Amino acid sequence: YREGYGNLVVVNHAQGKQTRYAHLL
């Protein structure tokens, strides 16, 4: 859990990329 985002998953990928998935149940 992170303020604002709610339940959140952050994934780090190759080549300095990141994706975020927020407001999850």
PDBML (XML) file of the C-alpha atoms, coordinates in Angstrom:
<?xml version="1.0" encoding="UTF-8" ?>
<PDBx:datablock datablockName="MODEL"
   xmlns:PDBx="http://pdbml.pdb.org/schema/pdbx-v50.xsd"
   xmlns:xsi="http://www.w3.org/2001/XMLSchema-instance"
   xsi:schemaLocation="http://pdbml.pdb.org/schema/pdbx-v50.xsd pdbx-v50.xsd">
   <PDBx:atom_siteCategory>
      <PDBx:atom_site id="1">
         <PDBx:B_iso_or_equiv>0.00</PDBx:B_iso_or_equiv>
         <PDBx:Cartn_x>0.000</PDBx:Cartn_x>
         <PDBx:Cartn_y>0.000</PDBx:Cartn_y>
         <PDBx:Cartn_z>0.000</PDBx:Cartn_z>
         <PDBx:auth_asym_id>A</PDBx:auth_asym_id>
         <PDBx:auth_atom_id>CA</PDBx:auth_atom_id>
         <PDBx:auth_comp_id>TYR</PDBx:auth_comp_id>
         <PDBx:auth_seq_id>1</PDBx:auth_seq_id>
         <PDBx:group_PDB>ATOM</PDBx:group_PDB>
         <PDBx:label_alt_id xsi:nil="true" />
         <PDBx:label_asym_id>A</PDBx:label_asym_id>
         <PDBx:label_atom_id>CA</PDBx:label_atom_id>
         <PDBx:label_comp_id>TYR</PDBx:label_comp_id>
         <PDBx:label_entity_id>1</PDBx:label_entity_id>
         <PDBx:label_seq_id>1</PDBx:label_seq_id>
         <PDBx:occupancy>1.00</PDBx:occupancy>
         <PDBx:pdbx_PDB_model_num>1</PDBx:pdbx_PDB_model_num>
         <PDBx:type_symbol>C</PDBx:type_symbol>
      </PDBx:atom_site>
      <PDBx:atom_site id="2">
         <PDBx:B_iso_or_equiv>0.00</PDBx:B_iso_or_equiv>
         <PDBx:Cartn_x>1.202</PDBx:Cartn_x>
         <PDBx:Cartn_y>3.501</PDBx:Cartn_y>
         <PDBx:Cartn_z>-0.875</PDBx:Cartn_z>
         <PDBx:auth_asym_id>A</PDBx:auth_asym_id>
         <PDBx:auth_atom_id>CA</PDBx:auth_atom_id>
         <PDBx:auth_comp_id>ARG</PDBx:auth_comp_id>
         <PDBx:auth_seq_id>2</PDBx:auth_seq_id>
         <PDBx:group_PDB>ATOM</PDBx:group_PDB>
         <PDBx:label_alt_id xsi:nil="true" />
         <PDBx:label_asym_id>A</PDBx:label_asym_id>
         <PDBx:label_atom_id>CA</PDBx:label_atom_id>
         <PDBx:label_comp_id>ARG</PDBx:label_comp_id>
         <PDBx:label_entity_id>1</PDBx:label_entity_id>
         <PDBx:label_seq_id>2</PDBx:label_seq_id>
         <PDBx:occupancy>1.00</PDBx:occupancy>
         <PDBx:pdbx_PDB_model_num>1</PDBx:pdbx_PDB_model_num>
         <PDBx:type_symbol>C</PDBx:type_symbol>
      </PDBx:atom_site>
      <PDBx:atom_site id="3">
         <PDBx:B_iso_or_equiv>0.00</PDBx:B_iso_or_equiv>
         <PDBx:Cartn_x>-0.610</PDBx:Cartn_x>
         <PDBx:Cartn_y>6.779</PDBx:Cartn_y>
         <PDBx:Cartn_z>-0.188</PDBx:Cartn_z>
         <PDBx:auth_asym_id>A</PDBx:auth_asym_id>
         <PDBx:auth_atom_id>CA</PDBx:auth_atom_id>
         <PDBx:auth_comp_id>GLU</PDBx:auth_comp_id>
         <PDBx:auth_seq_id>3</PDBx:auth_seq_id>
         <PDBx:group_PDB>ATOM</PDBx:group_PDB>
         <PDBx:label_alt_id xsi:nil="true" />
         <PDBx:label_asym_id>A</PDBx:label_asym_id>
         <PDBx:label_atom_id>CA</PDBx:label_atom_id>
         <PDBx:label_comp_id>GLU</PDBx:label_comp_id>
         <PDBx:label_entity_id>1</PDBx:label_entity_id>
         <PDBx:label_seq_id>3</PDBx:label_seq_id>
         <PDBx:occupancy>1.00</PDBx:occupancy>
         <PDBx:pdbx_PDB_model_num>1</PDBx:pdbx_PDB_model_num>
         <PDBx:type_symbol>C</PDBx:type_symbol>
      </PDBx:atom_site>
      <PDBx:atom_site id="4">
         <PDBx:B_iso_or_equiv>0.00</PDBx:B_iso_or_equiv>
         <PDBx:Cartn_x>-2.575</PDBx:Cartn_x>
         <PDBx:Cartn_y>7.949</PDBx:Cartn_y>
         <PDBx:Cartn_z>-3.234</PDBx:Cartn_z>
         <PDBx:auth_asym_id>A</PDBx:auth_asym_id>
         <PDBx:auth_atom_id>CA</PDBx:auth_atom_id>
         <PDBx:auth_comp_id>GLY</PDBx:auth_comp_id>
         <PDBx:auth_seq_id>4</PDBx:auth_seq_id>
         <PDBx:group_PDB>ATOM</PDBx:group_PDB>
         <PDBx:label_alt_id xsi:nil="true" />
         <PDBx:label_asym_id>A</PDBx:label_asym_id>
         <PDBx:label_atom_id>CA</PDBx:label_atom_id>
         <PDBx:label_comp_id>GLY</PDBx:label_comp_id>
         <PDBx:label_entity_id>1</PDBx:label_entity_id>
         <PDBx:label_seq_id>4</PDBx:label_seq_id>
         <PDBx:occupancy>1.00</PDBx:occupancy>
         <PDBx:pdbx_PDB_model_num>1</PDBx:pdbx_PDB_model_num>
         <PDBx:type_symbol>C</PDBx:type_symbol>
      </PDBx:atom_site>
      <PDBx:atom_site id="5">
         <PDBx:B_iso_or_equiv>0.00</PDBx:B_iso_or_equiv>
         <PDBx:Cartn_x>-1.793</PDBx:Cartn_x>
         <PDBx:Cartn_y>4.830</PDBx:Cartn_y>
         <PDBx:Cartn_z>-5.266</PDBx:Cartn_z>
         <PDBx:auth_asym_id>A</PDBx:auth_asym_id>
         <PDBx:auth_atom_id>CA</PDBx:auth_atom_id>
         <PDBx:auth_comp_id>TYR</PDBx:auth_comp_id>
         <PDBx:auth_seq_id>5</PDBx:auth_seq_id>
         <PDBx:group_PDB>ATOM</PDBx:group_PDB>
         <PDBx:label_alt_id xsi:nil="true" />
         <PDBx:label_asym_id>A</PDBx:label_asym_id>
         <PDBx:label_atom_id>CA</PDBx:label_atom_id>
         <PDBx:label_comp_id>TYR</PDBx:label_comp_id>
         <PDBx:label_entity_id>1</PDBx:label_entity_id>
         <PDBx:label_seq_id>5</PDBx:label_seq_id>
         <PDBx:occupancy>1.00</PDBx:occupancy>
         <PDBx:pdbx_PDB_model_num>1</PDBx:pdbx_PDB_model_num>
         <PDBx:type_symbol>C</PDBx:type_symbol>
      </PDBx:atom_site>
      <PDBx:atom_site id="6">
         <PDBx:B_iso_or_equiv>0.00</PDBx:B_iso_or_equiv>
         <PDBx:Cartn_x>-3.581</PDBx:Cartn_x>
         <PDBx:Cartn_y>2.490</PDBx:Cartn_y>
         <PDBx:Cartn_z>-2.872</PDBx:Cartn_z>
         <PDBx:auth_asym_id>A</PDBx:auth_asym_id>
         <PDBx:auth_atom_id>CA</PDBx:auth_atom_id>
         <PDBx:auth_comp_id>GLY</PDBx:auth_comp_id>
         <PDBx:auth_seq_id>6</PDBx:auth_seq_id>
         <PDBx:group_PDB>ATOM</PDBx:group_PDB>
         <PDBx:label_alt_id xsi:nil="true" />
         <PDBx:label_asym_id>A</PDBx:label_asym_id>
         <PDBx:label_atom_id>CA</PDBx:label_atom_id>
         <PDBx:label_comp_id>GLY</PDBx:label_comp_id>
         <PDBx:label_entity_id>1</PDBx:label_entity_id>
         <PDBx:label_seq_id>6</PDBx:label_seq_id>
         <PDBx:occupancy>1.00</PDBx:occupancy>
         <PDBx:pdbx_PDB_model_num>1</PDBx:pdbx_PDB_model_num>
         <PDBx:type_symbol>C</PDBx:type_symbol>
      </PDBx:atom_site>
      <PDBx:atom_site id="7">
         <PDBx:B_iso_or_equiv>0.00</PDBx:B_iso_or_equiv>
         <PDBx:Cartn_x>-2.520</PDBx:Cartn_x>
         <PDBx:Cartn_y>-1.120</PDBx:Cartn_y>
         <PDBx:Cartn_z>-3.349</PDBx:Cartn_z>
         <PDBx:auth_asym_id>A</PDBx:auth_asym_id>
         <PDBx:auth_atom_id>CA</PDBx:auth_atom_id>
         <PDBx:auth_comp_id>ASN</PDBx:auth_comp_id>
         <PDBx:auth_seq_id>7</PDBx:auth_seq_id>
         <PDBx:group_PDB>ATOM</PDBx:group_PDB>
         <PDBx:label_alt_id xsi:nil="true" />
         <PDBx:label_asym_id>A</PDBx:label_asym_id>
         <PDBx:label_atom_id>CA</PDBx:label_atom_id>
         <PDBx:label_comp_id>ASN</PDBx:label_comp_id>
         <PDBx:label_entity_id>1</PDBx:label_entity_id>
         <PDBx:label_seq_id>7</PDBx:label_seq_id>
         <PDBx:occupancy>1.00</PDBx:occupancy>
         <PDBx:pdbx_PDB_model_num>1</PDBx:pdbx_PDB_model_num>
         <PDBx:type_symbol>C</PDBx:type_symbol>
      </PDBx:atom_site>
      <PDBx:atom_site id="8">
         <PDBx:B_iso_or_equiv>0.00</PDBx:B_iso_or_equiv>
         <PDBx:Cartn_x>0.375</PDBx:Cartn_x>
         <PDBx:Cartn_y>-0.865</PDBx:Cartn_y>
         <PDBx:Cartn_z>-5.792</PDBx:Cartn_z>
         <PDBx:auth_asym_id>A</PDBx:auth_asym_id>
         <PDBx:auth_atom_id>CA</PDBx:auth_atom_id>
         <PDBx:auth_comp_id>LEU</PDBx:auth_comp_id>
         <PDBx:auth_seq_id>8</PDBx:auth_seq_id>
         <PDBx:group_PDB>ATOM</PDBx:group_PDB>
         <PDBx:label_alt_id xsi:nil="true" />
         <PDBx:label_asym_id>A</PDBx:label_asym_id>
         <PDBx:label_atom_id>CA</PDBx:label_atom_id>
         <PDBx:label_comp_id>LEU</PDBx:label_comp_id>
         <PDBx:label_entity_id>1</PDBx:label_entity_id>
         <PDBx:label_seq_id>8</PDBx:label_seq_id>
         <PDBx:occupancy>1.00</PDBx:occupancy>
         <PDBx:pdbx_PDB_model_num>1</PDBx:pdbx_PDB_model_num>
         <PDBx:type_symbol>C</PDBx:type_symbol>
      </PDBx:atom_site>
      <PDBx:atom_site id="9">
         <PDBx:B_iso_or_equiv>0.00</PDBx:B_iso_or_equiv>
         <PDBx:Cartn_x>2.725</PDBx:Cartn_x>
         <PDBx:Cartn_y>-3.137</PDBx:Cartn_y>
         <PDBx:Cartn_z>-7.703</PDBx:Cartn_z>
         <PDBx:auth_asym_id>A</PDBx:auth_asym_id>
         <PDBx:auth_atom_id>CA</PDBx:auth_atom_id>
         <PDBx:auth_comp_id>VAL</PDBx:auth_comp_id>
         <PDBx:auth_seq_id>9</PDBx:auth_seq_id>
         <PDBx:group_PDB>ATOM</PDBx:group_PDB>
         <PDBx:label_alt_id xsi:nil="true" />
         <PDBx:label_asym_id>A</PDBx:label_asym_id>
         <PDBx:label_atom_id>CA</PDBx:label_atom_id>
         <PDBx:label_comp_id>VAL</PDBx:label_comp_id>
         <PDBx:label_entity_id>1</PDBx:label_entity_id>
         <PDBx:label_seq_id>9</PDBx:label_seq_id>
         <PDBx:occupancy>1.00</PDBx:occupancy>
         <PDBx:pdbx_PDB_model_num>1</PDBx:pdbx_PDB_model_num>
         <PDBx:type_symbol>C</PDBx:type_symbol>
      </PDBx:atom_site>
      <PDBx:atom_site id="10">
         <PDBx:B_iso_or_equiv>0.00</PDBx:B_iso_or_equiv>
         <PDBx:Cartn_x>5.930</PDBx:Cartn_x>
         <PDBx:Cartn_y>-1.686</PDBx:Cartn_y>
         <PDBx:Cartn_z>-9.181</PDBx:Cartn_z>
         <PDBx:auth_asym_id>A</PDBx:auth_asym_id>
         <PDBx:auth_atom_id>CA</PDBx:auth_atom_id>
         <PDBx:auth_comp_id>VAL</PDBx:auth_comp_id>
         <PDBx:auth_seq_id>10</PDBx:auth_seq_id>
         <PDBx:group_PDB>ATOM</PDBx:group_PDB>
         <PDBx:label_alt_id xsi:nil="true" />
         <PDBx:label_asym_id>A</PDBx:label_asym_id>
         <PDBx:label_atom_id>CA</PDBx:label_atom_id>
         <PDBx:label_comp_id>VAL</PDBx:label_comp_id>
         <PDBx:label_entity_id>1</PDBx:label_entity_id>
         <PDBx:label_seq_id>10</PDBx:label_seq_id>
         <PDBx:occupancy>1.00</PDBx:occupancy>
         <PDBx:pdbx_PDB_model_num>1</PDBx:pdbx_PDB_model_num>
         <PDBx:type_symbol>C</PDBx:type_symbol>
      </PDBx:atom_site>
      <PDBx:atom_site id="11">
         <PDBx:B_iso_or_equiv>0.00</PDBx:B_iso_or_equiv>
         <PDBx:Cartn_x>7.931</PDBx:Cartn_x>
         <PDBx:Cartn_y>-3.789</PDBx:Cartn_y>
         <PDBx:Cartn_z>-11.656</PDBx:Cartn_z>
         <PDBx:auth_asym_id>A</PDBx:auth_asym_id>
         <PDBx:auth_atom_id>CA</PDBx:auth_atom_id>
         <PDBx:auth_comp_id>VAL</PDBx:auth_comp_id>
         <PDBx:auth_seq_id>11</PDBx:auth_seq_id>
         <PDBx:group_PDB>ATOM</PDBx:group_PDB>
         <PDBx:label_alt_id xsi:nil="true" />
         <PDBx:label_asym_id>A</PDBx:label_asym_id>
         <PDBx:label_atom_id>CA</PDBx:label_atom_id>
         <PDBx:label_comp_id>VAL</PDBx:label_comp_id>
         <PDBx:label_entity_id>1</PDBx:label_entity_id>
         <PDBx:label_seq_id>11</PDBx:label_seq_id>
         <PDBx:occupancy>1.00</PDBx:occupancy>
         <PDBx:pdbx_PDB_model_num>1</PDBx:pdbx_PDB_model_num>
         <PDBx:type_symbol>C</PDBx:type_symbol>
      </PDBx:atom_site>
      <PDBx:atom_site id="12">
         <PDBx:B_iso_or_equiv>0.00</PDBx:B_iso_or_equiv>
         <PDBx:Cartn_x>11.457</PDBx:Cartn_x>
         <PDBx:Cartn_y>-2.923</PDBx:Cartn_y>
         <PDBx:Cartn_z>-12.778</PDBx:Cartn_z>
         <PDBx:auth_asym_id>A</PDBx:auth_asym_id>
         <PDBx:auth_atom_id>CA</PDBx:auth_atom_id>
         <PDBx:auth_comp_id>ASN</PDBx:auth_comp_id>
         <PDBx:auth_seq_id>12</PDBx:auth_seq_id>
         <PDBx:group_PDB>ATOM</PDBx:group_PDB>
         <PDBx:label_alt_id xsi:nil="true" />
         <PDBx:label_asym_id>A</PDBx:label_asym_id>
         <PDBx:label_atom_id>CA</PDBx:label_atom_id>
         <PDBx:label_comp_id>ASN</PDBx:label_comp_id>
         <PDBx:label_entity_id>1</PDBx:label_entity_id>
         <PDBx:label_seq_id>12</PDBx:label_seq_id>
         <PDBx:occupancy>1.00</PDBx:occupancy>
         <PDBx:pdbx_PDB_model_num>1</PDBx:pdbx_PDB_model_num>
         <PDBx:type_symbol>C</PDBx:type_symbol>
      </PDBx:atom_site>
      <PDBx:atom_site id="13">
         <PDBx:B_iso_or_equiv>0.00</PDBx:B_iso_or_equiv>
         <PDBx:Cartn_x>12.361</PDBx:Cartn_x>
         <PDBx:Cartn_y>-4.027</PDBx:Cartn_y>
         <PDBx:Cartn_z>-16.290</PDBx:Cartn_z>
         <PDBx:auth_asym_id>A</PDBx:auth_asym_id>
         <PDBx:auth_atom_id>CA</PDBx:auth_atom_id>
         <PDBx:auth_comp_id>HIS</PDBx:auth_comp_id>
         <PDBx:auth_seq_id>13</PDBx:auth_seq_id>
         <PDBx:group_PDB>ATOM</PDBx:group_PDB>
         <PDBx:label_alt_id xsi:nil="true" />
         <PDBx:label_asym_id>A</PDBx:label_asym_id>
         <PDBx:label_atom_id>CA</PDBx:label_atom_id>
         <PDBx:label_comp_id>HIS</PDBx:label_comp_id>
         <PDBx:label_entity_id>1</PDBx:label_entity_id>
         <PDBx:label_seq_id>13</PDBx:label_seq_id>
         <PDBx:occupancy>1.00</PDBx:occupancy>
         <PDBx:pdbx_PDB_model_num>1</PDBx:pdbx_PDB_model_num>
         <PDBx:type_symbol>C</PDBx:type_symbol>
      </PDBx:atom_site>
      <PDBx:atom_site id="14">
         <PDBx:B_iso_or_equiv>0.00</PDBx:B_iso_or_equiv>
         <PDBx:Cartn_x>15.551</PDBx:Cartn_x>
         <PDBx:Cartn_y>-4.083</PDBx:Cartn_y>
         <PDBx:Cartn_z>-18.339</PDBx:Cartn_z>
         <PDBx:auth_asym_id>A</PDBx:auth_asym_id>
         <PDBx:auth_atom_id>CA</PDBx:auth_atom_id>
         <PDBx:auth_comp_id>ALA</PDBx:auth_comp_id>
         <PDBx:auth_seq_id>14</PDBx:auth_seq_id>
         <PDBx:group_PDB>ATOM</PDBx:group_PDB>
         <PDBx:label_alt_id xsi:nil="true" />
         <PDBx:label_asym_id>A</PDBx:label_asym_id>
         <PDBx:label_atom_id>CA</PDBx:label_atom_id>
         <PDBx:label_comp_id>ALA</PDBx:label_comp_id>
         <PDBx:label_entity_id>1</PDBx:label_entity_id>
         <PDBx:label_seq_id>14</PDBx:label_seq_id>
         <PDBx:occupancy>1.00</PDBx:occupancy>
         <PDBx:pdbx_PDB_model_num>1</PDBx:pdbx_PDB_model_num>
         <PDBx:type_symbol>C</PDBx:type_symbol>
      </PDBx:atom_site>
      <PDBx:atom_site id="15">
         <PDBx:B_iso_or_equiv>0.00</PDBx:B_iso_or_equiv>
         <PDBx:Cartn_x>16.941</PDBx:Cartn_x>
         <PDBx:Cartn_y>-0.927</PDBx:Cartn_y>
         <PDBx:Cartn_z>-20.011</PDBx:Cartn_z>
         <PDBx:auth_asym_id>A</PDBx:auth_asym_id>
         <PDBx:auth_atom_id>CA</PDBx:auth_atom_id>
         <PDBx:auth_comp_id>GLN</PDBx:auth_comp_id>
         <PDBx:auth_seq_id>15</PDBx:auth_seq_id>
         <PDBx:group_PDB>ATOM</PDBx:group_PDB>
         <PDBx:label_alt_id xsi:nil="true" />
         <PDBx:label_asym_id>A</PDBx:label_asym_id>
         <PDBx:label_atom_id>CA</PDBx:label_atom_id>
         <PDBx:label_comp_id>GLN</PDBx:label_comp_id>
         <PDBx:label_entity_id>1</PDBx:label_entity_id>
         <PDBx:label_seq_id>15</PDBx:label_seq_id>
         <PDBx:occupancy>1.00</PDBx:occupancy>
         <PDBx:pdbx_PDB_model_num>1</PDBx:pdbx_PDB_model_num>
         <PDBx:type_symbol>C</PDBx:type_symbol>
      </PDBx:atom_site>
      <PDBx:atom_site id="16">
         <PDBx:B_iso_or_equiv>0.00</PDBx:B_iso_or_equiv>
         <PDBx:Cartn_x>15.958</PDBx:Cartn_x>
         <PDBx:Cartn_y>1.332</PDBx:Cartn_y>
         <PDBx:Cartn_z>-17.114</PDBx:Cartn_z>
         <PDBx:auth_asym_id>A</PDBx:auth_asym_id>
         <PDBx:auth_atom_id>CA</PDBx:auth_atom_id>
         <PDBx:auth_comp_id>GLY</PDBx:auth_comp_id>
         <PDBx:auth_seq_id>16</PDBx:auth_seq_id>
         <PDBx:group_PDB>ATOM</PDBx:group_PDB>
         <PDBx:label_alt_id xsi:nil="true" />
         <PDBx:label_asym_id>A</PDBx:label_asym_id>
         <PDBx:label_atom_id>CA</PDBx:label_atom_id>
         <PDBx:label_comp_id>GLY</PDBx:label_comp_id>
         <PDBx:label_entity_id>1</PDBx:label_entity_id>
         <PDBx:label_seq_id>16</PDBx:label_seq_id>
         <PDBx:occupancy>1.00</PDBx:occupancy>
         <PDBx:pdbx_PDB_model_num>1</PDBx:pdbx_PDB_model_num>
         <PDBx:type_symbol>C</PDBx:type_symbol>
      </PDBx:atom_site>
      <PDBx:atom_site id="17">
         <PDBx:B_iso_or_equiv>0.00</PDBx:B_iso_or_equiv>
         <PDBx:Cartn_x>12.184</PDBx:Cartn_x>
         <PDBx:Cartn_y>0.922</PDBx:Cartn_y>
         <PDBx:Cartn_z>-17.492</PDBx:Cartn_z>
         <PDBx:auth_asym_id>A</PDBx:auth_asym_id>
         <PDBx:auth_atom_id>CA</PDBx:auth_atom_id>
         <PDBx:auth_comp_id>LYS</PDBx:auth_comp_id>
         <PDBx:auth_seq_id>17</PDBx:auth_seq_id>
         <PDBx:group_PDB>ATOM</PDBx:group_PDB>
         <PDBx:label_alt_id xsi:nil="true" />
         <PDBx:label_asym_id>A</PDBx:label_asym_id>
         <PDBx:label_atom_id>CA</PDBx:label_atom_id>
         <PDBx:label_comp_id>LYS</PDBx:label_comp_id>
         <PDBx:label_entity_id>1</PDBx:label_entity_id>
         <PDBx:label_seq_id>17</PDBx:label_seq_id>
         <PDBx:occupancy>1.00</PDBx:occupancy>
         <PDBx:pdbx_PDB_model_num>1</PDBx:pdbx_PDB_model_num>
         <PDBx:type_symbol>C</PDBx:type_symbol>
      </PDBx:atom_site>
      <PDBx:atom_site id="18">
         <PDBx:B_iso_or_equiv>0.00</PDBx:B_iso_or_equiv>
         <PDBx:Cartn_x>9.582</PDBx:Cartn_x>
         <PDBx:Cartn_y>0.611</PDBx:Cartn_y>
         <PDBx:Cartn_z>-14.768</PDBx:Cartn_z>
         <PDBx:auth_asym_id>A</PDBx:auth_asym_id>
         <PDBx:auth_atom_id>CA</PDBx:auth_atom_id>
         <PDBx:auth_comp_id>GLN</PDBx:auth_comp_id>
         <PDBx:auth_seq_id>18</PDBx:auth_seq_id>
         <PDBx:group_PDB>ATOM</PDBx:group_PDB>
         <PDBx:label_alt_id xsi:nil="true" />
         <PDBx:label_asym_id>A</PDBx:label_asym_id>
         <PDBx:label_atom_id>CA</PDBx:label_atom_id>
         <PDBx:label_comp_id>GLN</PDBx:label_comp_id>
         <PDBx:label_entity_id>1</PDBx:label_entity_id>
         <PDBx:label_seq_id>18</PDBx:label_seq_id>
         <PDBx:occupancy>1.00</PDBx:occupancy>
         <PDBx:pdbx_PDB_model_num>1</PDBx:pdbx_PDB_model_num>
         <PDBx:type_symbol>C</PDBx:type_symbol>
      </PDBx:atom_site>
      <PDBx:atom_site id="19">
         <PDBx:B_iso_or_equiv>0.00</PDBx:B_iso_or_equiv>
         <PDBx:Cartn_x>5.822</PDBx:Cartn_x>
         <PDBx:Cartn_y>-0.026</PDBx:Cartn_y>
         <PDBx:Cartn_z>-14.775</PDBx:Cartn_z>
         <PDBx:auth_asym_id>A</PDBx:auth_asym_id>
         <PDBx:auth_atom_id>CA</PDBx:auth_atom_id>
         <PDBx:auth_comp_id>THR</PDBx:auth_comp_id>
         <PDBx:auth_seq_id>19</PDBx:auth_seq_id>
         <PDBx:group_PDB>ATOM</PDBx:group_PDB>
         <PDBx:label_alt_id xsi:nil="true" />
         <PDBx:label_asym_id>A</PDBx:label_asym_id>
         <PDBx:label_atom_id>CA</PDBx:label_atom_id>
         <PDBx:label_comp_id>THR</PDBx:label_comp_id>
         <PDBx:label_entity_id>1</PDBx:label_entity_id>
         <PDBx:label_seq_id>19</PDBx:label_seq_id>
         <PDBx:occupancy>1.00</PDBx:occupancy>
         <PDBx:pdbx_PDB_model_num>1</PDBx:pdbx_PDB_model_num>
         <PDBx:type_symbol>C</PDBx:type_symbol>
      </PDBx:atom_site>
      <PDBx:atom_site id="20">
         <PDBx:B_iso_or_equiv>0.00</PDBx:B_iso_or_equiv>
         <PDBx:Cartn_x>3.326</PDBx:Cartn_x>
         <PDBx:Cartn_y>0.732</PDBx:Cartn_y>
         <PDBx:Cartn_z>-12.009</PDBx:Cartn_z>
         <PDBx:auth_asym_id>A</PDBx:auth_asym_id>
         <PDBx:auth_atom_id>CA</PDBx:auth_atom_id>
         <PDBx:auth_comp_id>ARG</PDBx:auth_comp_id>
         <PDBx:auth_seq_id>20</PDBx:auth_seq_id>
         <PDBx:group_PDB>ATOM</PDBx:group_PDB>
         <PDBx:label_alt_id xsi:nil="true" />
         <PDBx:label_asym_id>A</PDBx:label_asym_id>
         <PDBx:label_atom_id>CA</PDBx:label_atom_id>
         <PDBx:label_comp_id>ARG</PDBx:label_comp_id>
         <PDBx:label_entity_id>1</PDBx:label_entity_id>
         <PDBx:label_seq_id>20</PDBx:label_seq_id>
         <PDBx:occupancy>1.00</PDBx:occupancy>
         <PDBx:pdbx_PDB_model_num>1</PDBx:pdbx_PDB_model_num>
         <PDBx:type_symbol>C</PDBx:type_symbol>
      </PDBx:atom_site>
      <PDBx:atom_site id="21">
         <PDBx:B_iso_or_equiv>0.00</PDBx:B_iso_or_equiv>
         <PDBx:Cartn_x>-0.125</PDBx:Cartn_x>
         <PDBx:Cartn_y>-0.800</PDBx:Cartn_y>
         <PDBx:Cartn_z>-11.425</PDBx:Cartn_z>
         <PDBx:auth_asym_id>A</PDBx:auth_asym_id>
         <PDBx:auth_atom_id>CA</PDBx:auth_atom_id>
         <PDBx:auth_comp_id>TYR</PDBx:auth_comp_id>
         <PDBx:auth_seq_id>21</PDBx:auth_seq_id>
         <PDBx:group_PDB>ATOM</PDBx:group_PDB>
         <PDBx:label_alt_id xsi:nil="true" />
         <PDBx:label_asym_id>A</PDBx:label_asym_id>
         <PDBx:label_atom_id>CA</PDBx:label_atom_id>
         <PDBx:label_comp_id>TYR</PDBx:label_comp_id>
         <PDBx:label_entity_id>1</PDBx:label_entity_id>
         <PDBx:label_seq_id>21</PDBx:label_seq_id>
         <PDBx:occupancy>1.00</PDBx:occupancy>
         <PDBx:pdbx_PDB_model_num>1</PDBx:pdbx_PDB_model_num>
         <PDBx:type_symbol>C</PDBx:type_symbol>
      </PDBx:atom_site>
      <PDBx:atom_site id="22">
         <PDBx:B_iso_or_equiv>0.00</PDBx:B_iso_or_equiv>
         <PDBx:Cartn_x>-2.258</PDBx:Cartn_x>
         <PDBx:Cartn_y>1.093</PDBx:Cartn_y>
         <PDBx:Cartn_z>-8.895</PDBx:Cartn_z>
         <PDBx:auth_asym_id>A</PDBx:auth_asym_id>
         <PDBx:auth_atom_id>CA</PDBx:auth_atom_id>
         <PDBx:auth_comp_id>ALA</PDBx:auth_comp_id>
         <PDBx:auth_seq_id>22</PDBx:auth_seq_id>
         <PDBx:group_PDB>ATOM</PDBx:group_PDB>
         <PDBx:label_alt_id xsi:nil="true" />
         <PDBx:label_asym_id>A</PDBx:label_asym_id>
         <PDBx:label_atom_id>CA</PDBx:label_atom_id>
         <PDBx:label_comp_id>ALA</PDBx:label_comp_id>
         <PDBx:label_entity_id>1</PDBx:label_entity_id>
         <PDBx:label_seq_id>22</PDBx:label_seq_id>
         <PDBx:occupancy>1.00</PDBx:occupancy>
         <PDBx:pdbx_PDB_model_num>1</PDBx:pdbx_PDB_model_num>
         <PDBx:type_symbol>C</PDBx:type_symbol>
      </PDBx:atom_site>
      <PDBx:atom_site id="23">
         <PDBx:B_iso_or_equiv>0.00</PDBx:B_iso_or_equiv>
         <PDBx:Cartn_x>-5.609</PDBx:Cartn_x>
         <PDBx:Cartn_y>1.200</PDBx:Cartn_y>
         <PDBx:Cartn_z>-7.019</PDBx:Cartn_z>
         <PDBx:auth_asym_id>A</PDBx:auth_asym_id>
         <PDBx:auth_atom_id>CA</PDBx:auth_atom_id>
         <PDBx:auth_comp_id>HIS</PDBx:auth_comp_id>
         <PDBx:auth_seq_id>23</PDBx:auth_seq_id>
         <PDBx:group_PDB>ATOM</PDBx:group_PDB>
         <PDBx:label_alt_id xsi:nil="true" />
         <PDBx:label_asym_id>A</PDBx:label_asym_id>
         <PDBx:label_atom_id>CA</PDBx:label_atom_id>
         <PDBx:label_comp_id>HIS</PDBx:label_comp_id>
         <PDBx:label_entity_id>1</PDBx:label_entity_id>
         <PDBx:label_seq_id>23</PDBx:label_seq_id>
         <PDBx:occupancy>1.00</PDBx:occupancy>
         <PDBx:pdbx_PDB_model_num>1</PDBx:pdbx_PDB_model_num>
         <PDBx:type_symbol>C</PDBx:type_symbol>
      </PDBx:atom_site>
      <PDBx:atom_site id="24">
         <PDBx:B_iso_or_equiv>0.00</PDBx:B_iso_or_equiv>
         <PDBx:Cartn_x>-5.608</PDBx:Cartn_x>
         <PDBx:Cartn_y>-2.607</PDBx:Cartn_y>
         <PDBx:Cartn_z>-6.856</PDBx:Cartn_z>
         <PDBx:auth_asym_id>A</PDBx:auth_asym_id>
         <PDBx:auth_atom_id>CA</PDBx:auth_atom_id>
         <PDBx:auth_comp_id>LEU</PDBx:auth_comp_id>
         <PDBx:auth_seq_id>24</PDBx:auth_seq_id>
         <PDBx:group_PDB>ATOM</PDBx:group_PDB>
         <PDBx:label_alt_id xsi:nil="true" />
         <PDBx:label_asym_id>A</PDBx:label_asym_id>
         <PDBx:label_atom_id>CA</PDBx:label_atom_id>
         <PDBx:label_comp_id>LEU</PDBx:label_comp_id>
         <PDBx:label_entity_id>1</PDBx:label_entity_id>
         <PDBx:label_seq_id>24</PDBx:label_seq_id>
         <PDBx:occupancy>1.00</PDBx:occupancy>
         <PDBx:pdbx_PDB_model_num>1</PDBx:pdbx_PDB_model_num>
         <PDBx:type_symbol>C</PDBx:type_symbol>
      </PDBx:atom_site>
      <PDBx:atom_site id="25">
         <PDBx:B_iso_or_equiv>0.00</PDBx:B_iso_or_equiv>
         <PDBx:Cartn_x>-8.129</PDBx:Cartn_x>
         <PDBx:Cartn_y>-4.539</PDBx:Cartn_y>
         <PDBx:Cartn_z>-4.815</PDBx:Cartn_z>
         <PDBx:auth_asym_id>A</PDBx:auth_asym_id>
         <PDBx:auth_atom_id>CA</PDBx:auth_atom_id>
         <PDBx:auth_comp_id>LEU</PDBx:auth_comp_id>
         <PDBx:auth_seq_id>25</PDBx:auth_seq_id>
         <PDBx:group_PDB>ATOM</PDBx:group_PDB>
         <PDBx:label_alt_id xsi:nil="true" />
         <PDBx:label_asym_id>A</PDBx:label_asym_id>
         <PDBx:label_atom_id>CA</PDBx:label_atom_id>
         <PDBx:label_comp_id>LEU</PDBx:label_comp_id>
         <PDBx:label_entity_id>1</PDBx:label_entity_id>
         <PDBx:label_seq_id>25</PDBx:label_seq_id>
         <PDBx:occupancy>1.00</PDBx:occupancy>
         <PDBx:pdbx_PDB_model_num>1</PDBx:pdbx_PDB_model_num>
         <PDBx:type_symbol>C</PDBx:type_symbol>
      </PDBx:atom_site>
   </PDBx:atom_siteCategory>
</PDBx:datablock>
